């Protein structure tokens, strides 16, 4: 025991400068990420601003039970899962396809132009993006509606239709972020040994066959890491975008957990109730993250931990 303490003390002494560099980041992490977690106690208390978190009375799991039995429980869960799984299926796949295509472009000038044009939409703010969507898709005064009027065609009400909200959210998100999200896959593809391609070319493999037999298998570790990170945020859908695109007509299809928490917490001042819902959301995300990480380690030997 004494020997181990001596070794530990010696290691700390030898790496003192590194620990000193790490100290500011660690202090900030504790102050702004861990200390505020005491606010989670509000989920188990009947919080009153006059009494504070510590002196408010305990109520156990009352707020969780209230949410599970409320009429908003199933719609918010269904809408959140629908948009989240839709986003993963489309938003996770397209950057990989784009990176594979971009990697096969041999004309460097065209490749750079292609990359820049796909990256640019990423820098548009969420507010501007939602304004553009409403401007384009408005059934009465939108640009597409005015164009269709020239041919005596009527624009369907996409913005006000609850069934089309998920598609509007996901495909606009793909258009905005597909280029940016493909960067990490392009970086992984650039690290592949060129001798693989030379050997495949000597064997008569086409570019498509090289893509399937070389690029795709070597991208699997990166894909799994990105998938784990994505599903770890399964229920944390872009709150701002959903709220900005929400209207009374599409509310049955656009009310998700995050927007519901915002409304009951900041608009109705039910702090304990909103904290309980948010805590439930976080626990689900954690369970999904650990499960997918476990499956990934079993199948591909790749994982976050």
C-alpha atoms as a PDB file:
ATOM      1  CA  UNK A   1       0.000   0.000   0.000  1.00  0.00           C
ATOM      2  CA  UNK A   2       2.805   2.361   0.976  1.00  0.00           C
ATOM      3  CA  UNK A   3       4.684   1.437  -2.178  1.00  0.00           C
ATOM      4  CA  UNK A   4       1.680   2.251  -4.355  1.00  0.00           C
ATOM      5  CA  UNK A   5       1.261   5.635  -2.663  1.00  0.00           C
ATOM      6  CA  UNK A   6       4.930   6.356  -3.302  1.00  0.00           C
ATOM      7  CA  UNK A   7       4.589   5.502  -7.004  1.00  0.00           C
ATOM      8  CA  UNK A   8       1.454   7.654  -7.277  1.00  0.00           C
ATOM      9  CA  UNK A   9       3.173  10.580  -5.545  1.00  0.00           C
ATOM     10  CA  UNK A  10       6.145  10.257  -7.885  1.00  0.00           C
ATOM     11  CA  UNK A  11       3.882  10.216 -10.976  1.00  0.00           C
ATOM     12  CA  UNK A  12       2.039  13.313  -9.756  1.00  0.00           C
ATOM     13  CA  UNK A  13       5.348  15.068  -9.141  1.00  0.00           C
ATOM     14  CA  UNK A  14       6.757  14.163 -12.566  1.00  0.00           C
ATOM     15  CA  UNK A  15       3.596  15.334 -14.389  1.00  0.00           C
ATOM     16  CA  UNK A  16       2.891  18.343 -12.191  1.00  0.00           C
ATOM     17  CA  UNK A  17       3.045  20.792 -15.121  1.00  0.00           C
ATOM     18  CA  UNK A  18       0.431  18.783 -17.094  1.00  0.00           C
ATOM     19  CA  UNK A  19      -1.939  18.651 -14.112  1.00  0.00           C
ATOM     20  CA  UNK A  20      -1.455  22.395 -13.669  1.00  0.00           C
ATOM     21  CA  UNK A  21      -2.517  22.966 -17.280  1.00  0.00           C
ATOM     22  CA  UNK A  22      -5.522  20.703 -16.747  1.00  0.00           C
ATOM     23  CA  UNK A  23      -6.626  22.489 -13.568  1.00  0.00           C
ATOM     24  CA  UNK A  24      -8.474  25.514 -15.133  1.00  0.00           C
ATOM     25  CA  UNK A  25     -10.553  23.297 -17.430  1.00  0.00           C
ATOM     26  CA  UNK A  26     -11.355  20.945 -14.550  1.00  0.00           C
ATOM     27  CA  UNK A  27     -12.410  23.829 -12.287  1.00  0.00           C
ATOM     28  CA  UNK A  28     -14.659  25.303 -15.002  1.00  0.00           C
ATOM     29  CA  UNK A  29     -16.188  21.872 -15.657  1.00  0.00           C
ATOM     30  CA  UNK A  30     -16.975  21.381 -11.970  1.00  0.00           C
ATOM     31  CA  UNK A  31     -18.367  24.906 -11.552  1.00  0.00           C
ATOM     32  CA  UNK A  32     -20.585  25.031 -14.623  1.00  0.00           C
ATOM     33  CA  UNK A  33     -21.404  21.355 -15.300  1.00  0.00           C
ATOM     34  CA  UNK A  34     -21.472  19.504 -11.973  1.00  0.00           C
ATOM     35  CA  UNK A  35     -22.320  22.010  -9.242  1.00  0.00           C
ATOM     36  CA  UNK A  36     -25.516  23.183 -11.058  1.00  0.00           C
ATOM     37  CA  UNK A  37     -26.695  19.557 -11.013  1.00  0.00           C
ATOM     38  CA  UNK A  38     -28.023  20.117  -7.497  1.00  0.00           C
ATOM     39  CA  UNK A  39     -30.948  21.783  -9.296  1.00  0.00           C
ATOM     40  CA  UNK A  40     -32.119  18.287 -10.290  1.00  0.00           C
ATOM     41  CA  UNK A  41     -33.454  18.029  -6.746  1.00  0.00           C
ATOM     42  CA  UNK A  42     -36.351  20.201  -7.917  1.00  0.00           C
ATOM     43  CA  UNK A  43     -37.686  17.151  -9.790  1.00  0.00           C
ATOM     44  CA  UNK A  44     -38.335  15.495  -6.406  1.00  0.00           C
ATOM     45  CA  UNK A  45     -39.581  18.581  -4.564  1.00  0.00           C
ATOM     46  CA  UNK A  46     -42.483  20.999  -4.767  1.00  0.00           C
ATOM     47  CA  UNK A  47     -40.168  23.869  -5.582  1.00  0.00           C
ATOM     48  CA  UNK A  48     -41.038  27.319  -4.367  1.00  0.00           C
ATOM     49  CA  UNK A  49     -38.799  30.303  -5.280  1.00  0.00           C
ATOM     50  CA  UNK A  50     -39.490  31.780  -1.813  1.00  0.00           C
ATOM     51  CA  UNK A  51     -38.173  28.659  -0.037  1.00  0.00           C
ATOM     52  CA  UNK A  52     -35.364  27.753  -2.423  1.00  0.00           C
ATOM     53  CA  UNK A  53     -34.260  24.299  -3.541  1.00  0.00           C
ATOM     54  CA  UNK A  54     -33.116  22.997  -0.166  1.00  0.00           C
ATOM     55  CA  UNK A  55     -36.107  24.115   1.951  1.00  0.00           C
ATOM     56  CA  UNK A  56     -38.852  23.184  -0.544  1.00  0.00           C
ATOM     57  CA  UNK A  57     -40.854  20.107   0.572  1.00  0.00           C
ATOM     58  CA  UNK A  58     -40.088  16.668  -0.834  1.00  0.00           C
ATOM     59  CA  UNK A  59     -42.777  15.067  -3.024  1.00  0.00           C
ATOM     60  CA  UNK A  60     -40.984  11.936  -4.247  1.00  0.00           C
ATOM     61  CA  UNK A  61     -41.890  10.857  -7.768  1.00  0.00           C
ATOM     62  CA  UNK A  62     -45.122  12.861  -7.946  1.00  0.00           C
ATOM     63  CA  UNK A  63     -44.037  15.010 -10.927  1.00  0.00           C
ATOM     64  CA  UNK A  64     -42.888  11.966 -12.900  1.00  0.00           C
ATOM     65  CA  UNK A  65     -46.232  10.240 -12.267  1.00  0.00           C
ATOM     66  CA  UNK A  66     -48.067  13.394 -13.305  1.00  0.00           C
ATOM     67  CA  UNK A  67     -46.183  13.495 -16.616  1.00  0.00           C
ATOM     68  CA  UNK A  68     -46.657   9.762 -17.312  1.00  0.00           C
ATOM     69  CA  UNK A  69     -50.423  10.103 -16.741  1.00  0.00           C
ATOM     70  CA  UNK A  70     -50.844  13.425 -18.571  1.00  0.00           C
ATOM     71  CA  UNK A  71     -52.515  13.674 -21.970  1.00  0.00           C
ATOM     72  CA  UNK A  72     -49.278  15.133 -23.406  1.00  0.00           C
ATOM     73  CA  UNK A  73     -47.105  12.131 -22.494  1.00  0.00           C
ATOM     74  CA  UNK A  74     -47.766   9.892 -25.514  1.00  0.00           C
ATOM     75  CA  UNK A  75     -47.902  12.698 -28.146  1.00  0.00           C
ATOM     76  CA  UNK A  76     -44.632  14.290 -26.994  1.00  0.00           C
ATOM     77  CA  UNK A  77     -42.843  10.927 -26.779  1.00  0.00           C
ATOM     78  CA  UNK A  78     -44.175   9.837 -30.179  1.00  0.00           C
ATOM     79  CA  UNK A  79     -43.315  13.131 -31.913  1.00  0.00           C
ATOM     80  CA  UNK A  80     -39.854  13.257 -30.348  1.00  0.00           C
ATOM     81  CA  UNK A  81     -39.010   9.674 -31.308  1.00  0.00           C
ATOM     82  CA  UNK A  82     -40.459  10.113 -34.791  1.00  0.00           C
ATOM     83  CA  UNK A  83     -38.348  13.194 -35.567  1.00  0.00           C
ATOM     84  CA  UNK A  84     -35.251  11.758 -33.811  1.00  0.00           C
ATOM     85  CA  UNK A  85     -35.287   8.402 -35.627  1.00  0.00           C
ATOM     86  CA  UNK A  86     -36.113  10.116 -38.922  1.00  0.00           C
ATOM     87  CA  UNK A  87     -33.170  12.469 -38.385  1.00  0.00           C
ATOM     88  CA  UNK A  88     -30.793   9.609 -37.593  1.00  0.00           C
ATOM     89  CA  UNK A  89     -31.910   7.525 -40.595  1.00  0.00           C
ATOM     90  CA  UNK A  90     -31.508  10.401 -43.058  1.00  0.00           C
ATOM     91  CA  UNK A  91     -29.124  12.795 -41.359  1.00  0.00           C
ATOM     92  CA  UNK A  92     -26.629  10.070 -40.445  1.00  0.00           C
ATOM     93  CA  UNK A  93     -26.587   8.392 -43.872  1.00  0.00           C
ATOM     94  CA  UNK A  94     -26.312  11.345 -46.249  1.00  0.00           C
ATOM     95  CA  UNK A  95     -22.988  12.762 -44.939  1.00  0.00           C
ATOM     96  CA  UNK A  96     -21.403   9.320 -45.450  1.00  0.00           C
ATOM     97  CA  UNK A  97     -22.701   9.120 -49.028  1.00  0.00           C
ATOM     98  CA  UNK A  98     -21.544  12.688 -49.716  1.00  0.00           C
ATOM     99  CA  UNK A  99     -18.068  11.966 -48.324  1.00  0.00           C
ATOM    100  CA  UNK A 100     -17.738   8.801 -50.425  1.00  0.00           C
ATOM    101  CA  UNK A 101     -18.758  10.677 -53.587  1.00  0.00           C
ATOM    102  CA  UNK A 102     -16.513  13.634 -52.806  1.00  0.00           C
ATOM    103  CA  UNK A 103     -13.577  11.311 -52.180  1.00  0.00           C
ATOM    104  CA  UNK A 104     -13.946   9.890 -55.690  1.00  0.00           C
ATOM    105  CA  UNK A 105     -13.791  13.293 -57.405  1.00  0.00           C
ATOM    106  CA  UNK A 106     -10.376  13.576 -59.027  1.00  0.00           C
ATOM    107  CA  UNK A 107     -10.564  17.150 -60.386  1.00  0.00           C
ATOM    108  CA  UNK A 108      -9.325  19.143 -57.388  1.00  0.00           C
ATOM    109  CA  UNK A 109     -10.866  22.485 -58.447  1.00  0.00           C
ATOM    110  CA  UNK A 110     -14.312  20.952 -58.823  1.00  0.00           C
ATOM    111  CA  UNK A 111     -13.853  19.002 -55.583  1.00  0.00           C
ATOM    112  CA  UNK A 112     -13.117  22.224 -53.636  1.00  0.00           C
ATOM    113  CA  UNK A 113     -16.065  24.026 -55.245  1.00  0.00           C
ATOM    114  CA  UNK A 114     -18.323  21.076 -54.402  1.00  0.00           C
ATOM    115  CA  UNK A 115     -17.152  21.012 -50.788  1.00  0.00           C
ATOM    116  CA  UNK A 116     -17.505  24.763 -50.242  1.00  0.00           C
ATOM    117  CA  UNK A 117     -21.022  24.882 -51.699  1.00  0.00           C
ATOM    118  CA  UNK A 118     -22.146  22.052 -49.422  1.00  0.00           C
ATOM    119  CA  UNK A 119     -20.488  23.605 -46.318  1.00  0.00           C
ATOM    120  CA  UNK A 120     -21.941  27.117 -46.678  1.00  0.00           C
ATOM    121  CA  UNK A 121     -25.546  26.401 -45.521  1.00  0.00           C
ATOM    122  CA  UNK A 122     -24.142  25.233 -42.171  1.00  0.00           C
ATOM    123  CA  UNK A 123     -23.304  28.858 -41.273  1.00  0.00           C
ATOM    124  CA  UNK A 124     -26.876  30.061 -41.665  1.00  0.00           C
ATOM    125  CA  UNK A 125     -28.396  30.724 -38.237  1.00  0.00           C
ATOM    126  CA  UNK A 126     -31.400  28.719 -37.077  1.00  0.00           C
ATOM    127  CA  UNK A 127     -33.558  31.857 -37.021  1.00  0.00           C
ATOM    128  CA  UNK A 128     -32.695  32.739 -40.637  1.00  0.00           C
ATOM    129  CA  UNK A 129     -33.167  29.124 -41.746  1.00  0.00           C
ATOM    130  CA  UNK A 130     -36.676  29.004 -40.265  1.00  0.00           C
ATOM    131  CA  UNK A 131     -37.503  32.364 -41.877  1.00  0.00           C
ATOM    132  CA  UNK A 132     -36.345  31.008 -45.244  1.00  0.00           C
ATOM    133  CA  UNK A 133     -38.466  27.885 -44.852  1.00  0.00           C
ATOM    134  CA  UNK A 134     -41.578  29.913 -44.049  1.00  0.00           C
ATOM    135  CA  UNK A 135     -40.817  32.268 -46.956  1.00  0.00           C
ATOM    136  CA  UNK A 136     -40.419  29.397 -49.422  1.00  0.00           C
ATOM    137  CA  UNK A 137     -43.187  27.088 -48.184  1.00  0.00           C
ATOM    138  CA  UNK A 138     -45.997  29.494 -47.294  1.00  0.00           C
ATOM    139  CA  UNK A 139     -49.116  28.264 -49.165  1.00  0.00           C
ATOM    140  CA  UNK A 140     -50.446  31.814 -49.716  1.00  0.00           C
ATOM    141  CA  UNK A 141     -47.450  34.110 -50.269  1.00  0.00           C
ATOM    142  CA  UNK A 142     -44.436  31.747 -50.531  1.00  0.00           C
ATOM    143  CA  UNK A 143     -42.039  31.780 -53.471  1.00  0.00           C
ATOM    144  CA  UNK A 144     -42.952  28.237 -54.511  1.00  0.00           C
ATOM    145  CA  UNK A 145     -46.687  29.014 -54.207  1.00  0.00           C
ATOM    146  CA  UNK A 146     -46.311  32.102 -56.444  1.00  0.00           C
ATOM    147  CA  UNK A 147     -44.387  30.054 -59.010  1.00  0.00           C
ATOM    148  CA  UNK A 148     -47.045  27.324 -59.041  1.00  0.00           C
ATOM    149  CA  UNK A 149     -49.777  29.944 -59.511  1.00  0.00           C
ATOM    150  CA  UNK A 150     -48.278  30.689 -62.933  1.00  0.00           C
ATOM    151  CA  UNK A 151     -49.345  27.179 -63.944  1.00  0.00           C
ATOM    152  CA  UNK A 152     -52.675  27.304 -62.067  1.00  0.00           C
ATOM    153  CA  UNK A 153     -51.343  24.822 -59.492  1.00  0.00           C
ATOM    154  CA  UNK A 154     -52.026  25.045 -55.764  1.00  0.00           C
ATOM    155  CA  UNK A 155     -49.295  24.805 -53.158  1.00  0.00           C
ATOM    156  CA  UNK A 156     -50.054  22.252 -50.390  1.00  0.00           C
ATOM    157  CA  UNK A 157     -49.936  23.585 -46.823  1.00  0.00           C
ATOM    158  CA  UNK A 158     -46.688  21.941 -45.715  1.00  0.00           C
ATOM    159  CA  UNK A 159     -46.029  24.393 -42.863  1.00  0.00           C
ATOM    160  CA  UNK A 160     -49.446  23.844 -41.274  1.00  0.00           C
ATOM    161  CA  UNK A 161     -49.711  20.089 -41.813  1.00  0.00           C
ATOM    162  CA  UNK A 162     -48.789  18.049 -38.679  1.00  0.00           C
ATOM    163  CA  UNK A 163     -47.951  14.997 -40.793  1.00  0.00           C
ATOM    164  CA  UNK A 164     -45.372  16.863 -42.897  1.00  0.00           C
ATOM    165  CA  UNK A 165     -43.618  18.617 -40.001  1.00  0.00           C
ATOM    166  CA  UNK A 166     -41.047  15.829 -39.450  1.00  0.00           C
ATOM    167  CA  UNK A 167     -40.122  15.779 -43.151  1.00  0.00           C
ATOM    168  CA  UNK A 168     -39.814  19.564 -43.267  1.00  0.00           C
ATOM    169  CA  UNK A 169     -37.580  19.512 -40.175  1.00  0.00           C
ATOM    170  CA  UNK A 170     -35.350  16.600 -41.259  1.00  0.00           C
ATOM    171  CA  UNK A 171     -34.810  17.458 -44.942  1.00  0.00           C
ATOM    172  CA  UNK A 172     -34.085  21.123 -44.240  1.00  0.00           C
ATOM    173  CA  UNK A 173     -31.616  19.949 -41.593  1.00  0.00           C
ATOM    174  CA  UNK A 174     -29.961  17.632 -44.121  1.00  0.00           C
ATOM    175  CA  UNK A 175     -29.646  20.478 -46.636  1.00  0.00           C
ATOM    176  CA  UNK A 176     -28.089  22.727 -44.003  1.00  0.00           C
ATOM    177  CA  UNK A 177     -25.659  20.336 -42.329  1.00  0.00           C
ATOM    178  CA  UNK A 178     -24.878  17.473 -44.716  1.00  0.00           C
ATOM    179  CA  UNK A 179     -21.703  19.114 -46.028  1.00  0.00           C
ATOM    180  CA  UNK A 180     -20.396  20.065 -42.620  1.00  0.00           C
ATOM    181  CA  UNK A 181     -21.135  16.655 -41.121  1.00  0.00           C
ATOM    182  CA  UNK A 182     -19.267  14.937 -43.957  1.00  0.00           C
ATOM    183  CA  UNK A 183     -15.969  16.602 -42.987  1.00  0.00           C
ATOM    184  CA  UNK A 184     -15.054  13.994 -40.385  1.00  0.00           C
ATOM    185  CA  UNK A 185     -15.692  11.172 -42.869  1.00  0.00           C
ATOM    186  CA  UNK A 186     -13.554  12.916 -45.485  1.00  0.00           C
ATOM    187  CA  UNK A 187     -10.780  13.204 -42.892  1.00  0.00           C
ATOM    188  CA  UNK A 188     -11.069   9.464 -42.194  1.00  0.00           C
ATOM    189  CA  UNK A 189     -11.009   8.670 -45.929  1.00  0.00           C
ATOM    190  CA  UNK A 190      -7.904  10.808 -46.470  1.00  0.00           C
ATOM    191  CA  UNK A 191      -6.057   8.650 -43.921  1.00  0.00           C
ATOM    192  CA  UNK A 192      -6.557   5.431 -45.943  1.00  0.00           C
ATOM    193  CA  UNK A 193      -3.325   4.011 -47.343  1.00  0.00           C
ATOM    194  CA  UNK A 194      -3.159   4.841 -51.126  1.00  0.00           C
ATOM    195  CA  UNK A 195      -1.557   1.435 -51.806  1.00  0.00           C
ATOM    196  CA  UNK A 196      -4.992  -0.142 -51.241  1.00  0.00           C
ATOM    197  CA  UNK A 197      -6.372   1.801 -54.213  1.00  0.00           C
ATOM    198  CA  UNK A 198      -3.294   1.018 -56.333  1.00  0.00           C
ATOM    199  CA  UNK A 199      -3.643  -2.704 -55.634  1.00  0.00           C
ATOM    200  CA  UNK A 200      -7.386  -2.580 -56.365  1.00  0.00           C
ATOM    201  CA  UNK A 201      -6.766  -0.729 -59.642  1.00  0.00           C
ATOM    202  CA  UNK A 202      -4.176  -3.333 -60.642  1.00  0.00           C
ATOM    203  CA  UNK A 203      -6.796  -6.021 -60.000  1.00  0.00           C
ATOM    204  CA  UNK A 204      -9.257  -4.195 -62.259  1.00  0.00           C
ATOM    205  CA  UNK A 205     -11.611  -2.856 -59.573  1.00  0.00           C
ATOM    206  CA  UNK A 206     -13.849   0.036 -60.616  1.00  0.00           C
ATOM    207  CA  UNK A 207     -14.209   3.159 -58.496  1.00  0.00           C
ATOM    208  CA  UNK A 208     -17.573   1.987 -57.245  1.00  0.00           C
ATOM    209  CA  UNK A 209     -16.054  -1.367 -56.213  1.00  0.00           C
ATOM    210  CA  UNK A 210     -13.206   0.488 -54.453  1.00  0.00           C
ATOM    211  CA  UNK A 211     -15.791   2.545 -52.638  1.00  0.00           C
ATOM    212  CA  UNK A 212     -17.681  -0.532 -51.454  1.00  0.00           C
ATOM    213  CA  UNK A 213     -14.724  -2.801 -50.716  1.00  0.00           C
ATOM    214  CA  UNK A 214     -12.165  -0.294 -49.350  1.00  0.00           C
ATOM    215  CA  UNK A 215     -13.737   3.013 -48.302  1.00  0.00           C
ATOM    216  CA  UNK A 216     -16.861   1.740 -46.624  1.00  0.00           C
ATOM    217  CA  UNK A 217     -15.272  -0.993 -44.418  1.00  0.00           C
ATOM    218  CA  UNK A 218     -12.503   1.362 -43.280  1.00  0.00           C
ATOM    219  CA  UNK A 219     -15.074   4.006 -42.381  1.00  0.00           C
ATOM    220  CA  UNK A 220     -16.943   1.682 -40.010  1.00  0.00           C
ATOM    221  CA  UNK A 221     -15.065   2.703 -36.788  1.00  0.00           C
ATOM    222  CA  UNK A 222     -15.692   6.402 -37.517  1.00  0.00           C
ATOM    223  CA  UNK A 223     -19.306   5.686 -38.404  1.00  0.00           C
ATOM    224  CA  UNK A 224     -19.862   3.804 -35.149  1.00  0.00           C
ATOM    225  CA  UNK A 225     -18.369   6.610 -33.042  1.00  0.00           C
ATOM    226  CA  UNK A 226     -20.554   9.169 -34.807  1.00  0.00           C
ATOM    227  CA  UNK A 227     -23.606   6.933 -34.440  1.00  0.00           C
ATOM    228  CA  UNK A 228     -23.019   6.532 -30.691  1.00  0.00           C
ATOM    229  CA  UNK A 229     -22.648  10.293 -30.274  1.00  0.00           C
ATOM    230  CA  UNK A 230     -25.810  10.859 -32.320  1.00  0.00           C
ATOM    231  CA  UNK A 231     -28.032   8.384 -30.478  1.00  0.00           C
ATOM    232  CA  UNK A 232     -26.683   9.716 -27.173  1.00  0.00           C
ATOM    233  CA  UNK A 233     -28.663  12.858 -28.029  1.00  0.00           C
ATOM    234  CA  UNK A 234     -31.669  10.863 -29.272  1.00  0.00           C
ATOM    235  CA  UNK A 235     -34.358  12.874 -27.502  1.00  0.00           C
ATOM    236  CA  UNK A 236     -32.510  16.220 -27.620  1.00  0.00           C
ATOM    237  CA  UNK A 237     -33.930  17.430 -30.909  1.00  0.00           C
ATOM    238  CA  UNK A 238     -33.115  20.971 -32.023  1.00  0.00           C
ATOM    239  CA  UNK A 239     -35.389  22.867 -29.662  1.00  0.00           C
ATOM    240  CA  UNK A 240     -35.033  26.306 -31.292  1.00  0.00           C
ATOM    241  CA  UNK A 241     -35.872  25.135 -34.800  1.00  0.00           C
ATOM    242  CA  UNK A 242     -38.940  23.168 -33.705  1.00  0.00           C
ATOM    243  CA  UNK A 243     -40.222  26.085 -31.642  1.00  0.00           C
ATOM    244  CA  UNK A 244     -39.700  28.595 -34.470  1.00  0.00           C
ATOM    245  CA  UNK A 245     -41.476  26.387 -37.023  1.00  0.00           C
ATOM    246  CA  UNK A 246     -44.313  25.544 -34.648  1.00  0.00           C
ATOM    247  CA  UNK A 247     -47.795  26.977 -35.189  1.00  0.00           C
ATOM    248  CA  UNK A 248     -51.297  26.077 -33.917  1.00  0.00           C
ATOM    249  CA  UNK A 249     -52.020  24.032 -37.061  1.00  0.00           C
ATOM    250  CA  UNK A 250     -48.976  21.734 -36.919  1.00  0.00           C
ATOM    251  CA  UNK A 251     -48.878  21.506 -33.100  1.00  0.00           C
ATOM    252  CA  UNK A 252     -50.173  17.875 -32.984  1.00  0.00           C
ATOM    253  CA  UNK A 253     -47.085  16.820 -34.970  1.00  0.00           C
ATOM    254  CA  UNK A 254     -44.534  19.315 -33.663  1.00  0.00           C
ATOM    255  CA  UNK A 255     -44.991  19.249 -29.879  1.00  0.00           C
ATOM    256  CA  UNK A 256     -41.859  17.464 -28.598  1.00  0.00           C
ATOM    257  CA  UNK A 257     -40.471  16.959 -25.106  1.00  0.00           C
ATOM    258  CA  UNK A 258     -38.142  20.002 -25.292  1.00  0.00           C
ATOM    259  CA  UNK A 259     -40.856  22.447 -26.384  1.00  0.00           C
ATOM    260  CA  UNK A 260     -43.251  21.041 -23.782  1.00  0.00           C
ATOM    261  CA  UNK A 261     -40.614  21.494 -21.059  1.00  0.00           C
ATOM    262  CA  UNK A 262     -40.092  25.097 -22.183  1.00  0.00           C
ATOM    263  CA  UNK A 263     -43.816  25.840 -22.046  1.00  0.00           C
ATOM    264  CA  UNK A 264     -44.540  24.287 -18.652  1.00  0.00           C
ATOM    265  CA  UNK A 265     -41.276  25.533 -17.132  1.00  0.00           C
ATOM    266  CA  UNK A 266     -40.790  29.082 -18.388  1.00  0.00           C
ATOM    267  CA  UNK A 267     -44.287  30.019 -19.535  1.00  0.00           C
ATOM    268  CA  UNK A 268     -46.367  28.273 -16.838  1.00  0.00           C
ATOM    269  CA  UNK A 269     -43.712  28.533 -14.064  1.00  0.00           C
ATOM    270  CA  UNK A 270     -44.005  24.820 -13.139  1.00  0.00           C
ATOM    271  CA  UNK A 271     -40.282  24.450 -12.427  1.00  0.00           C
ATOM    272  CA  UNK A 272     -40.405  21.099 -10.623  1.00  0.00           C
ATOM    273  CA  UNK A 273     -42.640  19.532 -13.259  1.00  0.00           C
ATOM    274  CA  UNK A 274     -40.419  20.677 -16.148  1.00  0.00           C
ATOM    275  CA  UNK A 275     -37.274  19.510 -14.306  1.00  0.00           C
ATOM    276  CA  UNK A 276     -38.798  16.054 -13.838  1.00  0.00           C
ATOM    277  CA  UNK A 277     -39.617  15.784 -17.553  1.00  0.00           C
ATOM    278  CA  UNK A 278     -36.142  16.944 -18.517  1.00  0.00           C
ATOM    279  CA  UNK A 279     -34.540  14.473 -16.098  1.00  0.00           C
ATOM    280  CA  UNK A 280     -36.611  11.659 -17.603  1.00  0.00           C
ATOM    281  CA  UNK A 281     -35.375  12.713 -21.058  1.00  0.00           C
ATOM    282  CA  UNK A 282     -31.746  12.706 -19.899  1.00  0.00           C
ATOM    283  CA  UNK A 283     -32.049   9.242 -18.320  1.00  0.00           C
ATOM    284  CA  UNK A 284     -33.464   7.828 -21.572  1.00  0.00           C
ATOM    285  CA  UNK A 285     -30.578   9.374 -23.520  1.00  0.00           C
ATOM    286  CA  UNK A 286     -28.051   7.865 -21.096  1.00  0.00           C
ATOM    287  CA  UNK A 287     -29.606   4.392 -21.332  1.00  0.00           C
ATOM    288  CA  UNK A 288     -29.629   4.533 -25.141  1.00  0.00           C
ATOM    289  CA  UNK A 289     -26.015   5.760 -25.219  1.00  0.00           C
ATOM    290  CA  UNK A 290     -24.753   2.957 -22.961  1.00  0.00           C
ATOM    291  CA  UNK A 291     -26.756   0.315 -24.857  1.00  0.00           C
ATOM    292  CA  UNK A 292     -25.545   1.373 -28.311  1.00  0.00           C
ATOM    293  CA  UNK A 293     -21.986   1.694 -27.047  1.00  0.00           C
ATOM    294  CA  UNK A 294     -22.184  -1.852 -25.629  1.00  0.00           C
ATOM    295  CA  UNK A 295     -23.576  -3.248 -28.916  1.00  0.00           C
ATOM    296  CA  UNK A 296     -20.938  -1.393 -30.915  1.00  0.00           C
ATOM    297  CA  UNK A 297     -18.106  -2.771 -28.795  1.00  0.00           C
ATOM    298  CA  UNK A 298     -19.458  -6.276 -29.225  1.00  0.00           C
ATOM    299  CA  UNK A 299     -19.934  -6.033 -33.000  1.00  0.00           C
ATOM    300  CA  UNK A 300     -17.149  -3.730 -34.201  1.00  0.00           C
ATOM    301  CA  UNK A 301     -14.763  -3.470 -31.208  1.00  0.00           C
ATOM    302  CA  UNK A 302     -15.330   0.302 -31.330  1.00  0.00           C
ATOM    303  CA  UNK A 303     -16.826   2.390 -28.548  1.00  0.00           C
ATOM    304  CA  UNK A 304     -16.559   5.567 -26.545  1.00  0.00           C
ATOM    305  CA  UNK A 305     -15.802   3.771 -23.265  1.00  0.00           C
END
